[in-house]
PDB file of N, CA and C in Angstrom:
ATOM      1  N   MET A   1     140.997 131.617 102.919  1.00  0.00           N
ATOM      2  CA  MET A   1     140.555 130.594 101.765  1.00  0.00           C
ATOM      3  C   MET A   1     140.389 129.163 102.096  1.00  0.00           C
ATOM      4  N   LYS A   2     141.237 128.804 103.296  1.00  0.00           N
ATOM      5  CA  LYS A   2     141.398 127.481 103.835  1.00  0.00           C
ATOM      6  C   LYS A   2     139.771 127.163 104.714  1.00  0.00           C
ATOM      7  N   ILE A   3     139.852 128.274 105.302  1.00  0.00           N
ATOM      8  CA  ILE A   3     138.410 128.237 105.894  1.00  0.00           C
ATOM      9  C   ILE A   3     137.162 128.212 105.138  1.00  0.00           C
ATOM     10  N   LEU A   4     137.384 128.457 104.126  1.00  0.00           N
ATOM     11  CA  LEU A   4     135.906 128.608 103.384  1.00  0.00           C
ATOM     12  C   LEU A   4     135.840 126.828 103.188  1.00  0.00           C
ATOM     13  N   LEU A   5     137.132 126.603 102.586  1.00  0.00           N
ATOM     14  CA  LEU A   5     136.934 125.055 102.198  1.00  0.00           C
ATOM     15  C   LEU A   5     136.447 124.090 103.218  1.00  0.00           C
ATOM     16  N   VAL A   6     136.956 124.543 104.455  1.00  0.00           N
ATOM     17  CA  VAL A   6     136.557 123.664 105.374  1.00  0.00           C
ATOM     18  C   VAL A   6     135.012 123.627 105.520  1.00  0.00           C
ATOM     19  N   ILE A   7     134.213 125.116 105.685  1.00  0.00           N
ATOM     20  CA  ILE A   7     133.670 125.174 106.035  1.00  0.00           C
ATOM     21  C   ILE A   7     132.301 124.609 104.928  1.00  0.00           C
ATOM     22  N   ILE A   8     132.645 124.769 103.543  1.00  0.00           N
ATOM     23  CA  ILE A   8     132.287 124.165 102.667  1.00  0.00           C
ATOM     24  C   ILE A   8     132.029 122.533 102.768  1.00  0.00           C
ATOM     25  N   SER A   9     133.100 121.896 102.911  1.00  0.00           N
ATOM     26  CA  SER A   9     133.508 120.387 103.375  1.00  0.00           C
ATOM     27  C   SER A   9     132.353 119.775 104.383  1.00  0.00           C
ATOM     28  N   ILE A  10     132.258 121.081 105.447  1.00  0.00           N
ATOM     29  CA  ILE A  10     131.738 120.551 106.390  1.00  0.00           C
ATOM     30  C   ILE A  10     129.887 120.407 106.221  1.00  0.00           C
ATOM     31  N   VAL A  11     129.817 121.435 105.430  1.00  0.00           N
ATOM     32  CA  VAL A  11     128.501 121.156 105.050  1.00  0.00           C
ATOM     33  C   VAL A  11     128.007 120.348 104.253  1.00  0.00           C
ATOM     34  N   ILE A  12     128.854 120.157 103.189  1.00  0.00           N
ATOM     35  CA  ILE A  12     128.610 118.891 102.318  1.00  0.00           C
ATOM     36  C   ILE A  12     128.487 117.396 103.184  1.00  0.00           C
ATOM     37  N   VAL A  13     129.484 117.513 103.925  1.00  0.00           N
ATOM     38  CA  VAL A  13     129.197 116.174 105.070  1.00  0.00           C
ATOM     39  C   VAL A  13     127.926 115.794 105.683  1.00  0.00           C
ATOM     40  N   LEU A  14     127.609 117.476 106.142  1.00  0.00           N
ATOM     41  CA  LEU A  14     126.309 117.312 106.942  1.00  0.00           C
ATOM     42  C   LEU A  14     124.973 116.787 106.298  1.00  0.00           C
ATOM     43  N   PHE A  15     125.129 117.480 105.030  1.00  0.00           N
ATOM     44  CA  PHE A  15     124.084 117.284 103.743  1.00  0.00           C
ATOM     45  C   PHE A  15     124.160 115.726 103.744  1.00  0.00           C
ATOM     46  N   ALA A  16     125.166 115.020 103.249  1.00  0.00           N
ATOM     47  CA  ALA A  16     125.204 113.845 102.919  1.00  0.00           C
ATOM     48  C   ALA A  16     124.911 112.805 104.192  1.00  0.00           C
ATOM     49  N   VAL A  17     125.200 113.426 105.173  1.00  0.00           N
ATOM     50  CA  VAL A  17     124.777 112.551 106.526  1.00  0.00           C
ATOM     51  C   VAL A  17     123.405 112.233 106.633  1.00  0.00           C
ATOM     52  N   LEU A  18     122.780 113.771 106.460  1.00  0.00           N
ATOM     53  CA  LEU A  18     121.410 113.682 106.536  1.00  0.00           C
ATOM     54  C   LEU A  18     120.430 113.219 105.750  1.00  0.00           C
ATOM     55  N   THR A  19     121.174 113.062 104.319  1.00  0.00           N
ATOM     56  CA  THR A  19     120.165 112.519 103.518  1.00  0.00           C
ATOM     57  C   THR A  19     120.166 110.817 103.558  1.00  0.00           C
ATOM     58  N   VAL A  20     121.772 110.581 103.746  1.00  0.00           N
ATOM     59  CA  VAL A  20     121.689 109.032 104.375  1.00  0.00           C
ATOM     60  C   VAL A  20     120.451 108.588 105.285  1.00  0.00           C
ATOM     61  N   GLY A  21     120.596 109.387 106.464  1.00  0.00           N
ATOM     62  CA  GLY A  21     119.786 109.318 107.481  1.00  0.00           C
ATOM     63  C   GLY A  21     118.092 109.486 106.934  1.00  0.00           C
ATOM     64  N   ILE A  22     117.618 110.138 106.257  1.00  0.00           N
ATOM     65  CA  ILE A  22     116.301 110.332 105.885  1.00  0.00           C
ATOM     66  C   ILE A  22     116.138 108.740 104.921  1.00  0.00           C
ATOM     67  N   LEU A  23     117.377 108.567 103.899  1.00  0.00           N
ATOM     68  CA  LEU A  23     117.100 107.447 103.223  1.00  0.00           C
ATOM     69  C   LEU A  23     116.858 106.113 103.957  1.00  0.00           C
ATOM     70  N   LYS A  24     117.630 105.693 104.902  1.00  0.00           N
ATOM     71  CA  LYS A  24     117.590 104.587 105.957  1.00  0.00           C
ATOM     72  C   LYS A  24     116.440 104.706 106.806  1.00  0.00           C
ATOM     73  N   GLY A  25     115.358 105.929 107.071  1.00  0.00           N
ATOM     74  CA  GLY A  25     114.181 105.907 107.879  1.00  0.00           C
ATOM     75  C   GLY A  25     113.439 105.437 106.874  1.00  0.00           C
ATOM     76  N   ASN A  26     113.184 105.971 105.937  1.00  0.00           N
ATOM     77  CA  ASN A  26     112.372 105.969 104.783  1.00  0.00           C
ATOM     78  C   ASN A  26     112.342 104.226 104.563  1.00  0.00           C
ATOM     79  N   HIS A  27     113.470 103.796 104.381  1.00  0.00           N
ATOM     80  CA  HIS A  27     113.751 102.349 104.141  1.00  0.00           C
ATOM     81  C   HIS A  27     113.262 101.573 105.326  1.00  0.00           C
ATOM     82  N   LYS A  28     113.334 101.790 106.471  1.00  0.00           N
ATOM     83  CA  LYS A  28     112.664 101.023 107.261  1.00  0.00           C
ATOM     84  C   LYS A  28     110.997 101.149 107.554  1.00  0.00           C
ATOM     85  N   VAL A  29     110.698 102.286 107.466  1.00  0.00           N
ATOM     86  CA  VAL A  29     109.206 102.524 107.278  1.00  0.00           C
ATOM     87  C   VAL A  29     108.616 101.696 106.193  1.00  0.00           C
ATOM     88  N   ARG A  30     109.202 101.942 105.074  1.00  0.00           N
ATOM     89  CA  ARG A  30     108.604 100.974 103.834  1.00  0.00           C
ATOM     90  C   ARG A  30     108.542  99.684 103.972  1.00  0.00           C
ATOM     91  N   TYR A  31     109.772  99.032 104.510  1.00  0.00           N
ATOM     92  CA  TYR A  31     110.290  97.569 104.601  1.00  0.00           C
ATOM     93  C   TYR A  31     109.653  96.943 105.975  1.00  0.00           C
ATOM     94  N   ALA A  32     108.912  97.688 106.986  1.00  0.00           N
ATOM     95  CA  ALA A  32     108.700  97.564 108.166  1.00  0.00           C
ATOM     96  C   ALA A  32     108.249  95.914 108.503  1.00  0.00           C
ATOM     97  N   ASN A  33     107.402  95.527 107.587  1.00  0.00           N
ATOM     98  CA  ASN A  33     106.958  94.277 107.524  1.00  0.00           C
ATOM     99  C   ASN A  33     107.849  92.920 106.509  1.00  0.00           C
ATOM    100  N   GLY A  34     108.810  93.157 106.110  1.00  0.00           N
ATOM    101  CA  GLY A  34     109.446  92.428 105.304  1.00  0.00           C
ATOM    102  C   GLY A  34     109.185  92.639 103.484  1.00  0.00           C
ATOM    103  N   TYR A  35     108.113  93.751 103.230  1.00  0.00           N
ATOM    104  CA  TYR A  35     108.071  93.959 101.922  1.00  0.00           C
ATOM    105  C   TYR A  35     107.596  95.525 102.025  1.00  0.00           C
ATOM    106  N   ASP A  36     107.382  95.811 100.740  1.00  0.00           N
ATOM    107  CA  ASP A  36     107.336  97.140 100.272  1.00  0.00           C
ATOM    108  C   ASP A  36     105.928  97.768 100.415  1.00  0.00           C
ATOM    109  N   ASN A  37     105.479  98.535 101.411  1.00  0.00           N
ATOM    110  CA  ASN A  37     104.146  98.575 102.090  1.00  0.00           C
ATOM    111  C   ASN A  37     103.647  99.797 101.103  1.00  0.00           C
ATOM    112  N   GLU A  38     104.499 100.535 100.477  1.00  0.00           N
ATOM    113  CA  GLU A  38     103.703 101.610  99.506  1.00  0.00           C
ATOM    114  C   GLU A  38     102.870 101.056  98.174  1.00  0.00           C
ATOM    115  N   ILE A  39     104.144 100.022  97.689  1.00  0.00           N
ATOM    116  CA  ILE A  39     103.411  98.868  96.816  1.00  0.00           C
ATOM    117  C   ILE A  39     102.562  98.547  97.141  1.00  0.00           C
ATOM    118  N   GLU A  40     102.548  97.694  98.272  1.00  0.00           N
ATOM    119  CA  GLU A  40     101.187  96.740  98.551  1.00  0.00           C
ATOM    120  C   GLU A  40      99.928  97.513  98.538  1.00  0.00           C
ATOM    121  N   ASN A  41     100.176  98.839  99.294  1.00  0.00           N
ATOM    122  CA  ASN A  41      99.013  99.991  99.284  1.00  0.00           C
ATOM    123  C   ASN A  41      98.562 100.290  97.829  1.00  0.00           C
ATOM    124  N   ASP A  42      99.400 100.524  96.815  1.00  0.00           N
ATOM    125  CA  ASP A  42      99.220 100.591  95.598  1.00  0.00           C
ATOM    126  C   ASP A  42      98.176  99.624  94.868  1.00  0.00           C
ATOM    127  N   TYR A  43      98.838  98.394  95.226  1.00  0.00           N
ATOM    128  CA  TYR A  43      98.446  97.430  94.480  1.00  0.00           C
ATOM    129  C   TYR A  43      96.991  97.094  95.005  1.00  0.00           C
ATOM    130  N   GLN A  44      96.728  96.878  96.241  1.00  0.00           N
ATOM    131  CA  GLN A  44      95.238  96.949  96.708  1.00  0.00           C
ATOM    132  C   GLN A  44      94.432  97.922  96.241  1.00  0.00           C
ATOM    133  N   THR A  45      94.798  99.421  96.006  1.00  0.00           N
ATOM    134  CA  THR A  45      94.155 100.325  95.411  1.00  0.00           C
ATOM    135  C   THR A  45      93.814  99.934  93.824  1.00  0.00           C
ATOM    136  N   MET A  46      94.600  99.270  93.117  1.00  0.00           N
ATOM    137  CA  MET A  46      94.165  99.069  91.854  1.00  0.00           C
ATOM    138  C   MET A  46      93.286  97.882  91.871  1.00  0.00           C
ATOM    139  N   ILE A  47      93.274  97.106  92.474  1.00  0.00           N
ATOM    140  CA  ILE A  47      92.612  95.574  92.452  1.00  0.00           C
ATOM    141  C   ILE A  47      91.352  96.096  92.977  1.00  0.00           C
ATOM    142  N   GLN A  48      91.260  97.369  93.904  1.00  0.00           N
ATOM    143  CA  GLN A  48      89.528  97.892  94.337  1.00  0.00           C
ATOM    144  C   GLN A  48      89.028  98.464  93.041  1.00  0.00           C
ATOM    145  N   LEU A  49      89.986  99.473  92.454  1.00  0.00           N
ATOM    146  CA  LEU A  49      89.434 100.357  91.406  1.00  0.00           C
ATOM    147  C   LEU A  49      88.995  99.442  90.031  1.00  0.00           C
ATOM    148  N   PHE A  50      89.554  98.281  90.037  1.00  0.00           N
ATOM    149  CA  PHE A  50      89.251  97.242  88.716  1.00  0.00           C
ATOM    150  C   PHE A  50      88.185  96.269  89.314  1.00  0.00           C
ATOM    151  N   SER A  51      87.983  95.781  90.506  1.00  0.00           N
ATOM    152  CA  SER A  51      86.784  95.362  90.989  1.00  0.00           C
ATOM    153  C   SER A  51      85.531  96.191  90.856  1.00  0.00           C
ATOM    154  N   HIS A  52      85.700  97.389  91.492  1.00  0.00           N
ATOM    155  CA  HIS A  52      84.177  98.290  90.984  1.00  0.00           C
ATOM    156  C   HIS A  52      84.289  98.567  89.515  1.00  0.00           C
ATOM    157  N   ALA A  53      85.005  98.625  88.832  1.00  0.00           N
ATOM    158  CA  ALA A  53      84.916  98.899  87.148  1.00  0.00           C
ATOM    159  C   ALA A  53      84.304  97.744  86.520  1.00  0.00           C
ATOM    160  N   GLU A  54      84.511  96.113  87.114  1.00  0.00           N
ATOM    161  CA  GLU A  54      84.121  95.260  86.776  1.00  0.00           C
ATOM    162  C   GLU A  54      82.343  95.080  87.209  1.00  0.00           C
ATOM    163  N   GLU A  55      82.237  95.636  88.405  1.00  0.00           N
ATOM    164  CA  GLU A  55      80.720  95.733  88.800  1.00  0.00           C
ATOM    165  C   GLU A  55      79.809  96.592  88.043  1.00  0.00           C
ATOM    166  N   ARG A  56      80.391  97.757  87.456  1.00  0.00           N
ATOM    167  CA  ARG A  56      80.004  98.570  86.710  1.00  0.00           C
ATOM    168  C   ARG A  56      79.132  97.996  85.390  1.00  0.00           C
ATOM    169  N   LYS A  57      79.673  97.139  84.931  1.00  0.00           N
ATOM    170  CA  LYS A  57      79.488  96.171  83.502  1.00  0.00           C
ATOM    171  C   LYS A  57      78.083  95.771  83.480  1.00  0.00           C
TER     172      LYS A  57
END
């Protein structure tokens, strides 16, 4: 029974470490230029779509 608890604990710790690593890596990619690149890209796309809609009027 103790071995099962140890194995489960190890799996949980490894999963937590993997999750934290993924989140830190994602944060480094998103904020590489000092701001959130994904939000900036979404904002630029919205501006382009809005300008195309204005041109059609």
